[in-house]
Amino acid sequence: MRVVYIIILIAAVIVSVIFAVQNSAPITVAFFGWSATASMSLVLVLTLGAGILIGMLILVPSIWKRMRALSAQKKKTREFQKQQKEDETSSAPEAAQTENPSPEQNKGK
């Protein structure tokens, strides 16, 4: 499986290099009075990176909410398991007494 990842990584690097070579024409980007000149490939890669970052920041609240819900569920599960163990240990001696009556209880029979 690791070989597949390495092959995919090499292919992505080759495609990126070809993209950068074919889109090396300088362009000017203007934004709110600010302007910069850079190669088209650099502008596109920076724009892609900014889009990915913005998308991740938008997802943070929902991820945070799910992590908190999962943490609460894990806490409930631990408490339930602890209570279940306590119930099993407290009922074990009672079950042993009913299965094996003491000799004193057998005298009357």
PDB file of N, CA and C in Angstrom:
ATOM      1  N   MET A   1       0.826  -1.188   0.000  1.00  0.00           N
ATOM      2  CA  MET A   1       0.000   0.000   0.000  1.00  0.00           C
ATOM      3  C   MET A   1       0.871   1.252   0.000  1.00  0.00           C
ATOM      4  N   ARG A   2       1.986   1.186   0.692  1.00  0.00           N
ATOM      5  CA  ARG A   2       2.887   2.329   0.770  1.00  0.00           C
ATOM      6  C   ARG A   2       3.445   2.664  -0.612  1.00  0.00           C
ATOM      7  N   VAL A   3       3.669   1.648  -1.439  1.00  0.00           N
ATOM      8  CA  VAL A   3       4.193   1.855  -2.789  1.00  0.00           C
ATOM      9  C   VAL A   3       3.181   2.644  -3.618  1.00  0.00           C
ATOM     10  N   VAL A   4       1.892   2.354  -3.438  1.00  0.00           N
ATOM     11  CA  VAL A   4       0.847   3.073  -4.165  1.00  0.00           C
ATOM     12  C   VAL A   4       0.886   4.557  -3.805  1.00  0.00           C
ATOM     13  N   TYR A   5       1.046   4.862  -2.528  1.00  0.00           N
ATOM     14  CA  TYR A   5       1.118   6.261  -2.099  1.00  0.00           C
ATOM     15  C   TYR A   5       2.333   6.965  -2.700  1.00  0.00           C
ATOM     16  N   ILE A   6       3.446   6.280  -2.762  1.00  0.00           N
ATOM     17  CA  ILE A   6       4.659   6.874  -3.336  1.00  0.00           C
ATOM     18  C   ILE A   6       4.458   7.137  -4.827  1.00  0.00           C
ATOM     19  N   ILE A   7       3.832   6.216  -5.528  1.00  0.00           N
ATOM     20  CA  ILE A   7       3.559   6.399  -6.955  1.00  0.00           C
ATOM     21  C   ILE A   7       2.619   7.591  -7.167  1.00  0.00           C
ATOM     22  N   ILE A   8       1.581   7.686  -6.366  1.00  0.00           N
ATOM     23  CA  ILE A   8       0.646   8.813  -6.469  1.00  0.00           C
ATOM     24  C   ILE A   8       1.356  10.125  -6.170  1.00  0.00           C
ATOM     25  N   LEU A   9       2.215  10.143  -5.170  1.00  0.00           N
ATOM     26  CA  LEU A   9       2.965  11.348  -4.822  1.00  0.00           C
ATOM     27  C   LEU A   9       3.885  11.769  -5.969  1.00  0.00           C
ATOM     28  N   ILE A  10       4.592  10.823  -6.558  1.00  0.00           N
ATOM     29  CA  ILE A  10       5.486  11.130  -7.692  1.00  0.00           C
ATOM     30  C   ILE A  10       4.677  11.675  -8.870  1.00  0.00           C
ATOM     31  N   ALA A  11       3.529  11.073  -9.142  1.00  0.00           N
ATOM     32  CA  ALA A  11       2.676  11.545 -10.234  1.00  0.00           C
ATOM     33  C   ALA A  11       2.185  12.964  -9.970  1.00  0.00           C
ATOM     34  N   ALA A  12       1.815  13.255  -8.727  1.00  0.00           N
ATOM     35  CA  ALA A  12       1.350  14.603  -8.380  1.00  0.00           C
ATOM     36  C   ALA A  12       2.465  15.627  -8.537  1.00  0.00           C
ATOM     37  N   VAL A  13       3.669  15.268  -8.159  1.00  0.00           N
ATOM     38  CA  VAL A  13       4.811  16.178  -8.315  1.00  0.00           C
ATOM     39  C   VAL A  13       5.086  16.434  -9.799  1.00  0.00           C
ATOM     40  N   ILE A  14       5.050  15.392 -10.621  1.00  0.00           N
ATOM     41  CA  ILE A  14       5.290  15.552 -12.058  1.00  0.00           C
ATOM     42  C   ILE A  14       4.225  16.458 -12.679  1.00  0.00           C
ATOM     43  N   VAL A  15       2.950  16.226 -12.329  1.00  0.00           N
ATOM     44  CA  VAL A  15       1.869  17.063 -12.851  1.00  0.00           C
ATOM     45  C   VAL A  15       2.044  18.510 -12.388  1.00  0.00           C
ATOM     46  N   SER A  16       2.461  18.713 -11.148  1.00  0.00           N
ATOM     47  CA  SER A  16       2.670  20.067 -10.624  1.00  0.00           C
ATOM     48  C   SER A  16       3.790  20.785 -11.365  1.00  0.00           C
ATOM     49  N   VAL A  17       4.861  20.097 -11.648  1.00  0.00           N
ATOM     50  CA  VAL A  17       5.986  20.705 -12.381  1.00  0.00           C
ATOM     51  C   VAL A  17       5.546  21.067 -13.801  1.00  0.00           C
ATOM     52  N   ILE A  18       4.841  20.172 -14.466  1.00  0.00           N
ATOM     53  CA  ILE A  18       4.344  20.469 -15.812  1.00  0.00           C
ATOM     54  C   ILE A  18       3.409  21.678 -15.776  1.00  0.00           C
ATOM     55  N   PHE A  19       2.528  21.736 -14.782  1.00  0.00           N
ATOM     56  CA  PHE A  19       1.605  22.866 -14.623  1.00  0.00           C
ATOM     57  C   PHE A  19       2.377  24.165 -14.438  1.00  0.00           C
ATOM     58  N   ALA A  20       3.393  24.149 -13.594  1.00  0.00           N
ATOM     59  CA  ALA A  20       4.170  25.367 -13.328  1.00  0.00           C
ATOM     60  C   ALA A  20       4.924  25.822 -14.572  1.00  0.00           C
ATOM     61  N   VAL A  21       5.466  24.906 -15.347  1.00  0.00           N
ATOM     62  CA  VAL A  21       6.227  25.268 -16.552  1.00  0.00           C
ATOM     63  C   VAL A  21       5.288  25.841 -17.623  1.00  0.00           C
ATOM     64  N   GLN A  22       4.105  25.238 -17.782  1.00  0.00           N
ATOM     65  CA  GLN A  22       3.193  25.682 -18.828  1.00  0.00           C
ATOM     66  C   GLN A  22       2.457  26.976 -18.461  1.00  0.00           C
ATOM     67  N   ASN A  23       2.417  27.321 -17.194  1.00  0.00           N
ATOM     68  CA  ASN A  23       1.705  28.526 -16.753  1.00  0.00           C
ATOM     69  C   ASN A  23       2.663  29.502 -16.073  1.00  0.00           C
ATOM     70  N   SER A  24       3.757  29.778 -16.715  1.00  0.00           N
ATOM     71  CA  SER A  24       4.757  30.656 -16.100  1.00  0.00           C
ATOM     72  C   SER A  24       4.621  32.103 -16.538  1.00  0.00           C
ATOM     73  N   ALA A  25       3.611  32.430 -17.307  1.00  0.00           N
ATOM     74  CA  ALA A  25       3.419  33.812 -17.769  1.00  0.00           C
ATOM     75  C   ALA A  25       3.111  34.712 -16.576  1.00  0.00           C
ATOM     76  N   PRO A  26       3.743  35.881 -16.514  1.00  0.00           N
ATOM     77  CA  PRO A  26       3.464  36.784 -15.387  1.00  0.00           C
ATOM     78  C   PRO A  26       2.087  37.445 -15.543  1.00  0.00           C
ATOM     79  N   ILE A  27       1.377  37.518 -14.441  1.00  0.00           N
ATOM     80  CA  ILE A  27       0.082  38.204 -14.428  1.00  0.00           C
ATOM     81  C   ILE A  27       0.061  39.150 -13.240  1.00  0.00           C
ATOM     82  N   THR A  28      -0.811  40.144 -13.308  1.00  0.00           N
ATOM     83  CA  THR A  28      -0.973  41.100 -12.217  1.00  0.00           C
ATOM     84  C   THR A  28      -2.312  40.826 -11.547  1.00  0.00           C
ATOM     85  N   VAL A  29      -2.280  40.690 -10.251  1.00  0.00           N
ATOM     86  CA  VAL A  29      -3.480  40.452  -9.459  1.00  0.00           C
ATOM     87  C   VAL A  29      -3.757  41.712  -8.661  1.00  0.00           C
ATOM     88  N   ALA A  30      -4.971  42.250  -8.781  1.00  0.00           N
ATOM     89  CA  ALA A  30      -5.366  43.451  -8.036  1.00  0.00           C
ATOM     90  C   ALA A  30      -6.481  43.078  -7.070  1.00  0.00           C
ATOM     91  N   PHE A  31      -6.357  43.539  -5.826  1.00  0.00           N
ATOM     92  CA  PHE A  31      -7.349  43.224  -4.798  1.00  0.00           C
ATOM     93  C   PHE A  31      -7.417  44.377  -3.813  1.00  0.00           C
ATOM     94  N   PHE A  32      -8.539  45.099  -3.766  1.00  0.00           N
ATOM     95  CA  PHE A  32      -8.754  46.241  -2.876  1.00  0.00           C
ATOM     96  C   PHE A  32      -7.604  47.249  -2.930  1.00  0.00           C
ATOM     97  N   GLY A  33      -7.219  47.630  -4.101  1.00  0.00           N
ATOM     98  CA  GLY A  33      -6.164  48.615  -4.256  1.00  0.00           C
ATOM     99  C   GLY A  33      -4.751  48.060  -4.152  1.00  0.00           C
ATOM    100  N   TRP A  34      -4.633  46.851  -3.750  1.00  0.00           N
ATOM    101  CA  TRP A  34      -3.332  46.190  -3.651  1.00  0.00           C
ATOM    102  C   TRP A  34      -3.125  45.410  -4.933  1.00  0.00           C
ATOM    103  N   SER A  35      -1.941  45.469  -5.497  1.00  0.00           N
ATOM    104  CA  SER A  35      -1.679  44.695  -6.705  1.00  0.00           C
ATOM    105  C   SER A  35      -0.305  44.049  -6.611  1.00  0.00           C
ATOM    106  N   ALA A  36      -0.202  42.886  -7.255  1.00  0.00           N
ATOM    107  CA  ALA A  36       1.063  42.144  -7.252  1.00  0.00           C
ATOM    108  C   ALA A  36       1.206  41.436  -8.588  1.00  0.00           C
ATOM    109  N   THR A  37       2.440  41.281  -9.006  1.00  0.00           N
ATOM    110  CA  THR A  37       2.725  40.562 -10.239  1.00  0.00           C
ATOM    111  C   THR A  37       3.459  39.272  -9.881  1.00  0.00           C
ATOM    112  N   ALA A  38       2.947  38.163 -10.401  1.00  0.00           N
ATOM    113  CA  ALA A  38       3.556  36.859 -10.143  1.00  0.00           C
ATOM    114  C   ALA A  38       3.197  35.940 -11.292  1.00  0.00           C
ATOM    115  N   SER A  39       3.830  34.781 -11.325  1.00  0.00           N
ATOM    116  CA  SER A  39       3.498  33.825 -12.385  1.00  0.00           C
ATOM    117  C   SER A  39       2.099  33.266 -12.139  1.00  0.00           C
ATOM    118  N   MET A  40       1.450  32.902 -13.213  1.00  0.00           N
ATOM    119  CA  MET A  40       0.083  32.405 -13.120  1.00  0.00           C
ATOM    120  C   MET A  40       0.017  31.146 -12.256  1.00  0.00           C
ATOM    121  N   SER A  41       0.999  30.279 -12.378  1.00  0.00           N
ATOM    122  CA  SER A  41       0.974  29.039 -11.597  1.00  0.00           C
ATOM    123  C   SER A  41       1.074  29.336 -10.107  1.00  0.00           C
ATOM    124  N   LEU A  42       1.904  30.304  -9.719  1.00  0.00           N
ATOM    125  CA  LEU A  42       2.028  30.659  -8.310  1.00  0.00           C
ATOM    126  C   LEU A  42       0.727  31.248  -7.780  1.00  0.00           C
ATOM    127  N   VAL A  43       0.105  32.119  -8.576  1.00  0.00           N
ATOM    128  CA  VAL A  43      -1.170  32.721  -8.162  1.00  0.00           C
ATOM    129  C   VAL A  43      -2.234  31.641  -8.006  1.00  0.00           C
ATOM    130  N   LEU A  44      -2.287  30.707  -8.940  1.00  0.00           N
ATOM    131  CA  LEU A  44      -3.293  29.641  -8.853  1.00  0.00           C
ATOM    132  C   LEU A  44      -3.054  28.725  -7.652  1.00  0.00           C
ATOM    133  N   VAL A  45      -1.804  28.398  -7.400  1.00  0.00           N
ATOM    134  CA  VAL A  45      -1.494  27.530  -6.252  1.00  0.00           C
ATOM    135  C   VAL A  45      -1.822  28.252  -4.940  1.00  0.00           C
ATOM    136  N   LEU A  46      -1.487  29.543  -4.849  1.00  0.00           N
ATOM    137  CA  LEU A  46      -1.816  30.302  -3.637  1.00  0.00           C
ATOM    138  C   LEU A  46      -3.324  30.426  -3.455  1.00  0.00           C
ATOM    139  N   THR A  47      -4.044  30.609  -4.541  1.00  0.00           N
ATOM    140  CA  THR A  47      -5.501  30.685  -4.477  1.00  0.00           C
ATOM    141  C   THR A  47      -6.089  29.346  -4.022  1.00  0.00           C
ATOM    142  N   LEU A  48      -5.564  28.261  -4.554  1.00  0.00           N
ATOM    143  CA  LEU A  48      -6.013  26.932  -4.126  1.00  0.00           C
ATOM    144  C   LEU A  48      -5.753  26.728  -2.634  1.00  0.00           C
ATOM    145  N   GLY A  49      -4.551  27.099  -2.197  1.00  0.00           N
ATOM    146  CA  GLY A  49      -4.215  26.967  -0.774  1.00  0.00           C
ATOM    147  C   GLY A  49      -5.122  27.808   0.109  1.00  0.00           C
ATOM    148  N   ALA A  50      -5.427  29.033  -0.329  1.00  0.00           N
ATOM    149  CA  ALA A  50      -6.329  29.894   0.447  1.00  0.00           C
ATOM    150  C   ALA A  50      -7.728  29.285   0.512  1.00  0.00           C
ATOM    151  N   GLY A  51      -8.179  28.709  -0.598  1.00  0.00           N
ATOM    152  CA  GLY A  51      -9.497  28.070  -0.610  1.00  0.00           C
ATOM    153  C   GLY A  51      -9.558  26.866   0.320  1.00  0.00           C
ATOM    154  N   ILE A  52      -8.507  26.075   0.321  1.00  0.00           N
ATOM    155  CA  ILE A  52      -8.454  24.919   1.225  1.00  0.00           C
ATOM    156  C   ILE A  52      -8.461  25.381   2.673  1.00  0.00           C
ATOM    157  N   LEU A  53      -7.684  26.403   2.986  1.00  0.00           N
ATOM    158  CA  LEU A  53      -7.626  26.933   4.352  1.00  0.00           C
ATOM    159  C   LEU A  53      -8.980  27.475   4.799  1.00  0.00           C
ATOM    160  N   ILE A  54      -9.643  28.215   3.941  1.00  0.00           N
ATOM    161  CA  ILE A  54     -10.962  28.757   4.280  1.00  0.00           C
ATOM    162  C   ILE A  54     -11.959  27.612   4.491  1.00  0.00           C
ATOM    163  N   GLY A  55     -11.922  26.613   3.631  1.00  0.00           N
ATOM    164  CA  GLY A  55     -12.809  25.462   3.797  1.00  0.00           C
ATOM    165  C   GLY A  55     -12.583  24.729   5.108  1.00  0.00           C
ATOM    166  N   MET A  56     -11.317  24.583   5.486  1.00  0.00           N
ATOM    167  CA  MET A  56     -11.007  23.918   6.761  1.00  0.00           C
ATOM    168  C   MET A  56     -11.498  24.748   7.945  1.00  0.00           C
ATOM    169  N   LEU A  57     -11.338  26.063   7.855  1.00  0.00           N
ATOM    170  CA  LEU A  57     -11.800  26.928   8.940  1.00  0.00           C
ATOM    171  C   LEU A  57     -13.319  26.898   9.071  1.00  0.00           C
ATOM    172  N   ILE A  58     -14.016  26.734   7.960  1.00  0.00           N
ATOM    173  CA  ILE A  58     -15.474  26.637   8.012  1.00  0.00           C
ATOM    174  C   ILE A  58     -15.903  25.335   8.672  1.00  0.00           C
ATOM    175  N   LEU A  59     -15.126  24.283   8.501  1.00  0.00           N
ATOM    176  CA  LEU A  59     -15.467  22.979   9.075  1.00  0.00           C
ATOM    177  C   LEU A  59     -15.142  22.861  10.562  1.00  0.00           C
ATOM    178  N   VAL A  60     -14.292  23.724  11.091  1.00  0.00           N
ATOM    179  CA  VAL A  60     -13.839  23.602  12.479  1.00  0.00           C
ATOM    180  C   VAL A  60     -14.993  23.547  13.476  1.00  0.00           C
ATOM    181  N   PRO A  61     -16.018  24.429  13.398  1.00  0.00           N
ATOM    182  CA  PRO A  61     -17.098  24.344  14.397  1.00  0.00           C
ATOM    183  C   PRO A  61     -17.819  22.996  14.411  1.00  0.00           C
ATOM    184  N   SER A  62     -18.110  22.435  13.242  1.00  0.00           N
ATOM    185  CA  SER A  62     -18.820  21.154  13.234  1.00  0.00           C
ATOM    186  C   SER A  62     -17.922  20.027  13.749  1.00  0.00           C
ATOM    187  N   ILE A  63     -16.647  20.075  13.416  1.00  0.00           N
ATOM    188  CA  ILE A  63     -15.719  19.061  13.924  1.00  0.00           C
ATOM    189  C   ILE A  63     -15.612  19.177  15.439  1.00  0.00           C
ATOM    190  N   TRP A  64     -15.518  20.395  15.937  1.00  0.00           N
ATOM    191  CA  TRP A  64     -15.435  20.627  17.381  1.00  0.00           C
ATOM    192  C   TRP A  64     -16.685  20.081  18.081  1.00  0.00           C
ATOM    193  N   LYS A  65     -17.862  20.334  17.494  1.00  0.00           N
ATOM    194  CA  LYS A  65     -19.119  19.860  18.078  1.00  0.00           C
ATOM    195  C   LYS A  65     -19.147  18.333  18.128  1.00  0.00           C
ATOM    196  N   ARG A  66     -18.725  17.686  17.045  1.00  0.00           N
ATOM    197  CA  ARG A  66     -18.709  16.218  17.015  1.00  0.00           C
ATOM    198  C   ARG A  66     -17.716  15.652  18.014  1.00  0.00           C
ATOM    199  N   MET A  67     -16.567  16.300  18.162  1.00  0.00           N
ATOM    200  CA  MET A  67     -15.575  15.817  19.121  1.00  0.00           C
ATOM    201  C   MET A  67     -16.116  15.916  20.546  1.00  0.00           C
ATOM    202  N   ARG A  68     -16.824  17.002  20.857  1.00  0.00           N
ATOM    203  CA  ARG A  68     -17.403  17.149  22.193  1.00  0.00           C
ATOM    204  C   ARG A  68     -18.478  16.098  22.437  1.00  0.00           C
ATOM    205  N   ALA A  69     -19.323  15.838  21.429  1.00  0.00           N
ATOM    206  CA  ALA A  69     -20.365  14.822  21.569  1.00  0.00           C
ATOM    207  C   ALA A  69     -19.750  13.438  21.753  1.00  0.00           C
ATOM    208  N   LEU A  70     -18.711  13.140  20.999  1.00  0.00           N
ATOM    209  CA  LEU A  70     -18.027  11.857  21.132  1.00  0.00           C
ATOM    210  C   LEU A  70     -17.397  11.711  22.509  1.00  0.00           C
ATOM    211  N   SER A  71     -16.800  12.776  23.003  1.00  0.00           N
ATOM    212  CA  SER A  71     -16.198  12.748  24.327  1.00  0.00           C
ATOM    213  C   SER A  71     -17.254  12.495  25.399  1.00  0.00           C
ATOM    214  N   ALA A  72     -18.409  13.134  25.255  1.00  0.00           N
ATOM    215  CA  ALA A  72     -19.492  12.918  26.217  1.00  0.00           C
ATOM    216  C   ALA A  72     -19.981  11.477  26.167  1.00  0.00           C
ATOM    217  N   GLN A  73     -20.093  10.909  24.964  1.00  0.00           N
ATOM    218  CA  GLN A  73     -20.516   9.509  24.833  1.00  0.00           C
ATOM    219  C   GLN A  73     -19.504   8.561  25.461  1.00  0.00           C
ATOM    220  N   LYS A  74     -18.219   8.830  25.252  1.00  0.00           N
ATOM    221  CA  LYS A  74     -17.184   7.984  25.858  1.00  0.00           C
ATOM    222  C   LYS A  74     -17.259   8.051  27.374  1.00  0.00           C
ATOM    223  N   LYS A  75     -17.522   9.238  27.908  1.00  0.00           N
ATOM    224  CA  LYS A  75     -17.629   9.391  29.361  1.00  0.00           C
ATOM    225  C   LYS A  75     -18.822   8.593  29.884  1.00  0.00           C
ATOM    226  N   LYS A  76     -19.958   8.663  29.188  1.00  0.00           N
ATOM    227  CA  LYS A  76     -21.134   7.906  29.597  1.00  0.00           C
ATOM    228  C   LYS A  76     -20.862   6.407  29.543  1.00  0.00           C
ATOM    229  N   THR A  77     -20.152   5.971  28.507  1.00  0.00           N
ATOM    230  CA  THR A  77     -19.826   4.551  28.366  1.00  0.00           C
ATOM    231  C   THR A  77     -18.937   4.084  29.510  1.00  0.00           C
ATOM    232  N   ARG A  78     -17.923   4.890  29.858  1.00  0.00           N
ATOM    233  CA  ARG A  78     -17.049   4.525  30.986  1.00  0.00           C
ATOM    234  C   ARG A  78     -17.833   4.446  32.296  1.00  0.00           C
ATOM    235  N   GLU A  79     -18.730   5.409  32.507  1.00  0.00           N
ATOM    236  CA  GLU A  79     -19.532   5.386  33.731  1.00  0.00           C
ATOM    237  C   GLU A  79     -20.445   4.161  33.768  1.00  0.00           C
ATOM    238  N   PHE A  80     -21.038   3.822  32.614  1.00  0.00           N
ATOM    239  CA  PHE A  80     -21.902   2.649  32.544  1.00  0.00           C
ATOM    240  C   PHE A  80     -21.121   1.373  32.818  1.00  0.00           C
ATOM    241  N   GLN A  81     -19.934   1.254  32.220  1.00  0.00           N
ATOM    242  CA  GLN A  81     -19.109   0.070  32.445  1.00  0.00           C
ATOM    243  C   GLN A  81     -18.681  -0.031  33.905  1.00  0.00           C
ATOM    244  N   LYS A  82     -18.355   1.095  34.515  1.00  0.00           N
ATOM    245  CA  LYS A  82     -17.965   1.100  35.924  1.00  0.00           C
ATOM    246  C   LYS A  82     -19.140   0.651  36.789  1.00  0.00           C
ATOM    247  N   GLN A  83     -20.331   1.176  36.505  1.00  0.00           N
ATOM    248  CA  GLN A  83     -21.519   0.799  37.264  1.00  0.00           C
ATOM    249  C   GLN A  83     -21.833  -0.680  37.060  1.00  0.00           C
ATOM    250  N   GLN A  84     -21.653  -1.171  35.840  1.00  0.00           N
ATOM    251  CA  GLN A  84     -21.911  -2.577  35.552  1.00  0.00           C
ATOM    252  C   GLN A  84     -20.953  -3.480  36.327  1.00  0.00           C
ATOM    253  N   LYS A  85     -19.678  -3.098  36.397  1.00  0.00           N
ATOM    254  CA  LYS A  85     -18.712  -3.884  37.173  1.00  0.00           C
ATOM    255  C   LYS A  85     -19.076  -3.892  38.647  1.00  0.00           C
ATOM    256  N   GLU A  86     -19.490  -2.740  39.162  1.00  0.00           N
ATOM    257  CA  GLU A  86     -19.878  -2.656  40.573  1.00  0.00           C
ATOM    258  C   GLU A  86     -21.084  -3.549  40.845  1.00  0.00           C
ATOM    259  N   ASP A  87     -22.050  -3.554  39.920  1.00  0.00           N
ATOM    260  CA  ASP A  87     -23.227  -4.403  40.093  1.00  0.00           C
ATOM    261  C   ASP A  87     -22.856  -5.880  40.058  1.00  0.00           C
ATOM    262  N   GLU A  88     -21.938  -6.257  39.174  1.00  0.00           N
ATOM    263  CA  GLU A  88     -21.515  -7.654  39.075  1.00  0.00           C
ATOM    264  C   GLU A  88     -20.775  -8.090  40.328  1.00  0.00           C
ATOM    265  N   THR A  89     -19.910  -7.234  40.851  1.00  0.00           N
ATOM    266  CA  THR A  89     -19.148  -7.613  42.050  1.00  0.00           C
ATOM    267  C   THR A  89     -20.036  -7.653  43.283  1.00  0.00           C
ATOM    268  N   SER A  90     -21.050  -6.790  43.350  1.00  0.00           N
ATOM    269  CA  SER A  90     -21.925  -6.803  44.523  1.00  0.00           C
ATOM    270  C   SER A  90     -22.915  -7.962  44.461  1.00  0.00           C
ATOM    271  N   SER A  91     -23.294  -8.410  43.272  1.00  0.00           N
ATOM    272  CA  SER A  91     -24.244  -9.513  43.174  1.00  0.00           C
ATOM    273  C   SER A  91     -23.549 -10.871  43.183  1.00  0.00           C
ATOM    274  N   ALA A  92     -22.265 -10.935  42.972  1.00  0.00           N
ATOM    275  CA  ALA A  92     -21.542 -12.206  42.946  1.00  0.00           C
ATOM    276  C   ALA A  92     -21.585 -12.935  44.291  1.00  0.00           C
ATOM    277  N   PRO A  93     -21.352 -12.282  45.422  1.00  0.00           N
ATOM    278  CA  PRO A  93     -21.428 -13.014  46.702  1.00  0.00           C
ATOM    279  C   PRO A  93     -22.836 -13.526  46.997  1.00  0.00           C
ATOM    280  N   GLU A  94     -23.859 -12.774  46.630  1.00  0.00           N
ATOM    281  CA  GLU A  94     -25.232 -13.222  46.865  1.00  0.00           C
ATOM    282  C   GLU A  94     -25.541 -14.466  46.048  1.00  0.00           C
ATOM    283  N   ALA A  95     -25.085 -14.509  44.823  1.00  0.00           N
ATOM    284  CA  ALA A  95     -25.322 -15.666  43.960  1.00  0.00           C
ATOM    285  C   ALA A  95     -24.591 -16.888  44.500  1.00  0.00           C
ATOM    286  N   ALA A  96     -23.417 -16.711  45.036  1.00  0.00           N
ATOM    287  CA  ALA A  96     -22.648 -17.824  45.590  1.00  0.00           C
ATOM    288  C   ALA A  96     -23.353 -18.402  46.815  1.00  0.00           C
ATOM    289  N   GLN A  97     -23.988 -17.561  47.608  1.00  0.00           N
ATOM    290  CA  GLN A  97     -24.680 -18.052  48.800  1.00  0.00           C
ATOM    291  C   GLN A  97     -25.927 -18.840  48.428  1.00  0.00           C
ATOM    292  N   THR A  98     -26.633 -18.452  47.418  1.00  0.00           N
ATOM    293  CA  THR A  98     -27.848 -19.183  47.050  1.00  0.00           C
ATOM    294  C   THR A  98     -27.514 -20.498  46.371  1.00  0.00           C
ATOM    295  N   GLU A  99     -26.402 -20.590  45.676  1.00  0.00           N
ATOM    296  CA  GLU A  99     -26.020 -21.820  45.001  1.00  0.00           C
ATOM    297  C   GLU A  99     -25.432 -22.835  45.975  1.00  0.00           C
ATOM    298  N   ASN A 100     -24.640 -22.403  46.918  1.00  0.00           N
ATOM    299  CA  ASN A 100     -23.979 -23.286  47.874  1.00  0.00           C
ATOM    300  C   ASN A 100     -24.440 -22.921  49.288  1.00  0.00           C
ATOM    301  N   PRO A 101     -25.537 -23.477  49.719  1.00  0.00           N
ATOM    302  CA  PRO A 101     -26.000 -23.135  51.075  1.00  0.00           C
ATOM    303  C   PRO A 101     -25.027 -23.669  52.128  1.00  0.00           C
ATOM    304  N   SER A 102     -24.930 -22.955  53.192  1.00  0.00           N
ATOM    305  CA  SER A 102     -24.011 -23.350  54.267  1.00  0.00           C
ATOM    306  C   SER A 102     -24.573 -24.577  54.985  1.00  0.00           C
ATOM    307  N   PRO A 103     -23.717 -25.335  55.684  1.00  0.00           N
ATOM    308  CA  PRO A 103     -24.197 -26.529  56.406  1.00  0.00           C
ATOM    309  C   PRO A 103     -25.251 -26.211  57.437  1.00  0.00           C
ATOM    310  N   GLU A 104     -25.210 -25.015  58.011  1.00  0.00           N
ATOM    311  CA  GLU A 104     -26.207 -24.643  59.013  1.00  0.00           C
ATOM    312  C   GLU A 104     -27.590 -24.541  58.380  1.00  0.00           C
ATOM    313  N   GLN A 105     -27.658 -24.095  57.114  1.00  0.00           N
ATOM    314  CA  GLN A 105     -28.947 -23.964  56.440  1.00  0.00           C
ATOM    315  C   GLN A 105     -29.491 -25.336  56.060  1.00  0.00           C
ATOM    316  N   ASN A 106     -28.619 -26.323  55.861  1.00  0.00           N
ATOM    317  CA  ASN A 106     -29.039 -27.671  55.465  1.00  0.00           C
ATOM    318  C   ASN A 106     -29.544 -28.487  56.642  1.00  0.00           C
ATOM    319  N   LYS A 107     -29.236 -28.120  57.903  1.00  0.00           N
ATOM    320  CA  LYS A 107     -29.645 -28.901  59.087  1.00  0.00           C
ATOM    321  C   LYS A 107     -31.142 -28.979  59.216  1.00  0.00           C
ATOM    322  N   GLY A 108     -31.815 -27.905  58.857  1.00  0.00           N
ATOM    323  CA  GLY A 108     -33.255 -27.884  59.006  1.00  0.00           C
ATOM    324  C   GLY A 108     -33.957 -28.726  57.968  1.00  0.00           C
ATOM    325  N   LYS A 109     -33.304 -29.150  56.929  1.00  0.00           N
ATOM    326  CA  LYS A 109     -33.947 -29.885  55.833  1.00  0.00           C
ATOM    327  C   LYS A 109     -33.905 -31.349  56.009  1.00  0.00           C
TER     328      LYS A 109
END
